[in-house]
Protein backbone atom coordinates (compact mmCIF):
# COMPACT_ATOMS: atom_id res chain seq x y z
CA MET A 1 12.44 67.95 16.09
CA THR A 2 13.61 70.67 18.50
CA THR A 3 17.26 70.68 19.55
CA VAL A 4 17.21 73.62 21.97
CA THR A 5 14.67 74.64 24.54
CA MET A 6 12.18 76.87 22.78
CA HIS A 7 9.27 78.92 23.93
CA PRO A 8 6.12 76.71 24.19
CA LEU A 9 4.30 78.83 21.58
CA ALA A 10 7.17 78.30 19.11
CA GLU A 11 7.18 74.54 19.82
CA ASP A 12 3.43 74.43 19.22
CA TYR A 13 3.93 76.33 15.95
CA LEU A 14 6.57 73.84 14.79
CA ASP A 15 4.30 70.92 15.68
CA ARG A 16 1.47 72.43 13.63
CA LEU A 17 3.87 73.06 10.75
CA ASP A 18 5.05 69.44 10.90
CA ARG A 19 1.46 68.14 10.90
CA ALA A 20 0.44 70.39 8.02
CA GLY A 21 3.56 69.35 6.11
CA ARG A 22 2.43 65.73 5.80
CA ARG A 23 1.27 66.62 2.30
CA LEU A 24 4.88 67.33 1.28
CA PRO A 25 7.56 64.76 0.51
CA ARG A 26 9.18 63.63 3.77
CA ARG A 27 12.59 65.11 2.94
CA ARG A 28 11.22 68.54 1.97
CA ARG A 29 9.04 68.60 5.09
CA ALA A 30 12.04 67.91 7.34
CA GLU A 31 14.09 70.63 5.59
CA LEU A 32 11.27 73.16 5.89
CA VAL A 33 10.65 72.46 9.58
CA ALA A 34 14.41 72.72 10.24
CA GLU A 35 14.59 76.07 8.39
CA ILE A 36 11.66 77.50 10.36
CA GLU A 37 13.07 76.13 13.62
CA THR A 38 16.42 77.84 12.93
CA HIS A 39 14.63 81.09 12.13
CA LEU A 40 12.60 80.89 15.34
CA THR A 41 15.70 80.12 17.42
CA GLU A 42 17.41 83.22 16.02
CA ALA A 43 14.35 85.50 16.21
CA ILE A 44 13.16 84.54 19.70
CA GLY A 45 15.54 85.25 22.54
CA PRO A 46 15.72 83.08 25.67
CA GLY A 47 13.65 85.47 27.81
CA ALA A 48 11.06 86.43 25.16
CA THR A 49 7.53 87.19 26.33
CA ASP A 50 4.42 85.59 24.87
CA ALA A 51 3.65 88.84 23.03
CA GLU A 52 7.10 88.94 21.42
CA VAL A 53 6.82 85.29 20.34
CA LEU A 54 3.34 85.85 18.91
CA THR A 55 4.64 88.82 16.91
CA VAL A 56 7.35 86.65 15.34
CA LEU A 57 4.86 83.85 14.61
CA ASP A 58 2.36 86.30 13.10
CA ARG A 59 5.06 87.55 10.72
CA LEU A 60 5.69 83.97 9.60
CA GLY A 61 2.03 83.29 8.91
CA GLU A 62 -0.09 80.20 9.44
CA PRO A 63 1.68 76.83 9.07
CA ALA A 64 -0.89 75.66 6.50
CA ASP A 65 -0.15 78.74 4.36
CA ILE A 66 3.59 78.00 4.44
CA ILE A 67 2.92 74.43 3.34
CA ASP A 68 0.53 75.57 0.58
CA ALA A 69 3.27 77.85 -0.77
CA GLU A 70 5.62 74.84 -0.88
CA GLN A 71 3.20 72.65 -2.80
CA PRO A 72 4.15 72.17 -6.45
CA ALA A 73 1.68 73.55 -8.95
CA SER A 74 -0.96 70.88 -9.42
CA ASP A 75 -1.16 69.40 -12.91
CA ALA A 76 -4.76 68.48 -12.15
CA VAL A 77 -5.72 72.16 -11.89
CA ALA A 78 -4.07 73.02 -15.21
CA ASP A 79 -5.68 70.04 -16.97
CA ARG A 80 -8.91 69.69 -15.04
CA ARG A 81 -11.25 69.44 -17.99
CA GLY A 82 -9.42 67.65 -20.75
CA PHE A 83 -10.39 65.02 -23.28
CA HIS A 84 -10.87 62.45 -20.51
CA GLU A 85 -13.60 64.50 -18.81
CA TRP A 86 -15.35 65.57 -22.02
CA ALA A 87 -15.42 61.95 -23.20
CA ALA A 88 -16.91 60.88 -19.86
CA ILE A 89 -19.67 63.50 -20.08
CA PHE A 90 -20.46 62.64 -23.72
CA LEU A 91 -20.58 58.89 -23.06
CA LEU A 92 -22.69 59.29 -19.92
CA LEU A 93 -25.24 61.16 -22.05
CA PHE A 94 -25.13 59.21 -25.32
CA GLY A 95 -23.20 56.01 -24.55
CA GLY A 96 -26.38 54.04 -23.91
CA PHE A 97 -27.12 54.20 -27.64
CA PHE A 98 -23.97 52.15 -28.31
CA ALA A 99 -25.42 48.91 -26.92
CA GLY A 100 -24.95 50.28 -23.39
CA VAL A 101 -21.20 49.71 -23.61
CA GLY A 102 -20.53 53.38 -24.29
CA TRP A 103 -22.25 54.35 -21.06
CA LEU A 104 -20.12 51.85 -19.12
CA VAL A 105 -16.97 53.34 -20.67
CA GLY A 106 -18.24 56.77 -19.64
CA MET A 107 -18.65 55.47 -16.08
CA ILE A 108 -15.07 54.21 -16.04
CA LEU A 109 -13.82 57.57 -17.30
CA LEU A 110 -15.94 59.39 -14.70
CA LEU A 111 -14.71 57.28 -11.82
CA SER A 112 -11.05 57.47 -12.88
CA SER A 113 -11.01 61.24 -13.35
CA ARG A 114 -9.34 63.53 -10.81
CA ALA A 115 -11.47 66.49 -11.86
CA TRP A 116 -14.51 65.47 -9.81
CA THR A 117 -15.11 64.83 -6.13
CA THR A 118 -16.57 61.58 -4.84
CA THR A 119 -19.99 63.24 -4.53
CA ASP A 120 -19.82 64.38 -8.16
CA LYS A 121 -18.94 60.85 -9.24
CA TRP A 122 -21.86 59.33 -7.31
CA LEU A 123 -24.21 61.87 -8.85
CA GLY A 124 -22.94 61.10 -12.35
CA ALA A 125 -23.23 57.36 -11.73
CA LEU A 126 -26.69 57.25 -10.20
CA VAL A 127 -28.72 59.84 -12.11
CA VAL A 128 -30.40 57.93 -14.94
CA PRO A 129 -28.03 55.08 -15.77
CA GLY A 130 -27.82 54.73 -19.54
CA GLY A 131 -28.15 58.47 -20.14
CA LEU A 132 -30.59 59.55 -22.83
CA ALA A 133 -31.02 56.02 -24.21
CA LEU A 134 -33.39 55.05 -21.38
CA PRO A 135 -36.04 57.77 -22.00
CA VAL A 136 -35.84 57.19 -25.77
CA PHE A 137 -36.42 53.47 -25.24
CA LEU A 138 -39.33 54.16 -22.86
CA LEU A 139 -40.84 56.63 -25.31
CA ALA A 140 -40.70 54.01 -28.07
CA VAL A 141 -42.35 51.43 -25.80
CA ALA A 142 -45.02 53.94 -24.74
CA GLY A 143 -45.78 54.72 -28.41
CA THR A 144 -46.50 51.08 -29.21
CA ALA A 145 -48.66 50.53 -26.13
CA SER A 146 -50.95 53.54 -26.33
CA GLY A 147 -53.72 52.02 -24.19
CA GLN A 148 -56.44 52.54 -26.81
CA SER A 149 -58.89 49.88 -27.97
CA CYS A 150 -60.02 50.01 -31.58
CA SER A 151 -62.97 48.26 -33.30
CA GLY A 152 -64.34 48.16 -36.79
CA GLY A 153 -62.29 48.17 -39.95
CA VAL A 154 -62.71 45.77 -42.92
CA GLY A 155 -64.85 48.03 -45.06
CA GLY A 156 -66.24 50.10 -42.18
CA PRO A 157 -64.93 52.99 -40.13
CA VAL A 158 -62.45 52.35 -37.31
CA HIS A 159 -63.44 53.60 -33.86
CA CYS A 160 -60.77 53.92 -31.18
CA THR A 161 -61.55 54.70 -27.61
CA GLY A 162 -59.31 55.24 -24.63
CA SER A 163 -60.23 55.31 -20.97
CA ALA A 164 -59.77 58.35 -18.74
CA ALA A 165 -57.57 56.23 -16.45
CA GLY A 166 -55.43 55.31 -19.45
CA SER A 167 -54.98 58.97 -20.32
CA GLY A 168 -53.88 59.76 -16.77
CA VAL A 169 -51.38 56.93 -16.82
CA GLN A 170 -50.10 58.13 -20.20
CA LEU A 171 -49.71 61.67 -18.85
CA LEU A 172 -47.86 60.39 -15.80
CA GLY A 173 -45.67 58.21 -18.02
CA LEU A 174 -44.91 61.16 -20.27
CA ALA A 175 -43.95 63.29 -17.25
CA GLY A 176 -41.63 60.50 -16.12
CA ILE A 177 -40.01 60.32 -19.56
CA VAL A 178 -39.50 64.10 -19.54
CA ALA A 179 -37.87 63.84 -16.11
CA LEU A 180 -35.66 60.97 -17.33
CA THR A 181 -34.64 63.12 -20.30
CA VAL A 182 -33.91 66.29 -18.31
CA ALA A 183 -32.01 64.57 -15.46
CA PRO A 184 -29.00 63.34 -17.49
CA ILE A 185 -28.75 66.67 -19.30
CA VAL A 186 -28.71 68.59 -16.01
CA THR A 187 -26.18 66.10 -14.61
CA ALA A 188 -23.93 66.54 -17.65
CA VAL A 189 -24.05 70.33 -17.29
CA TYR A 190 -23.30 70.01 -13.57
CA LEU A 191 -20.31 67.74 -14.21
CA ALA A 192 -19.00 70.07 -16.91
CA ARG A 193 -19.19 73.06 -14.57
CA ARG A 194 -17.58 71.15 -11.68
CA ALA A 195 -14.68 70.04 -13.87
CA VAL A 196 -13.60 73.65 -14.37
């Protein structure tokens, strides 16, 4: 990388620039490092002190900042929350109603999107698989199995009784269904905000 003997601080700077430049295409990185090396060779004389070298390096700025300025504008930032992401959020919420296949398509869209981090994708995948279809299904099942016993009928009055334990279980079940309903909605809002 260096063709002439440079001050150790300048060599260290060029090494950091080269390491930070790994995000750039190889050719552009080599050109950039060569340009900065030429500038440093011209700006730092052979007998420069550490203070003089640090002044020149401070004027250049941090190597990571130079590399960031060289990065092309990211298309992902401009199109972070497009149709792909909105479809993923919609299908994660409501796809379970389409024979479960819609939710699976939502998962594929979620996992293939560049708008979310790995943590966001895990959260979207694991919080209430099936979206809102699961609590609706559980609510329908809970409505048919109410836990009450009824007697009488056929010309007489019908008496239905339920146990206190049954009521507690029903209340706990209802709280679980509410949680299973709120969780995918909160997750969808979270994913929508993170895709910004």
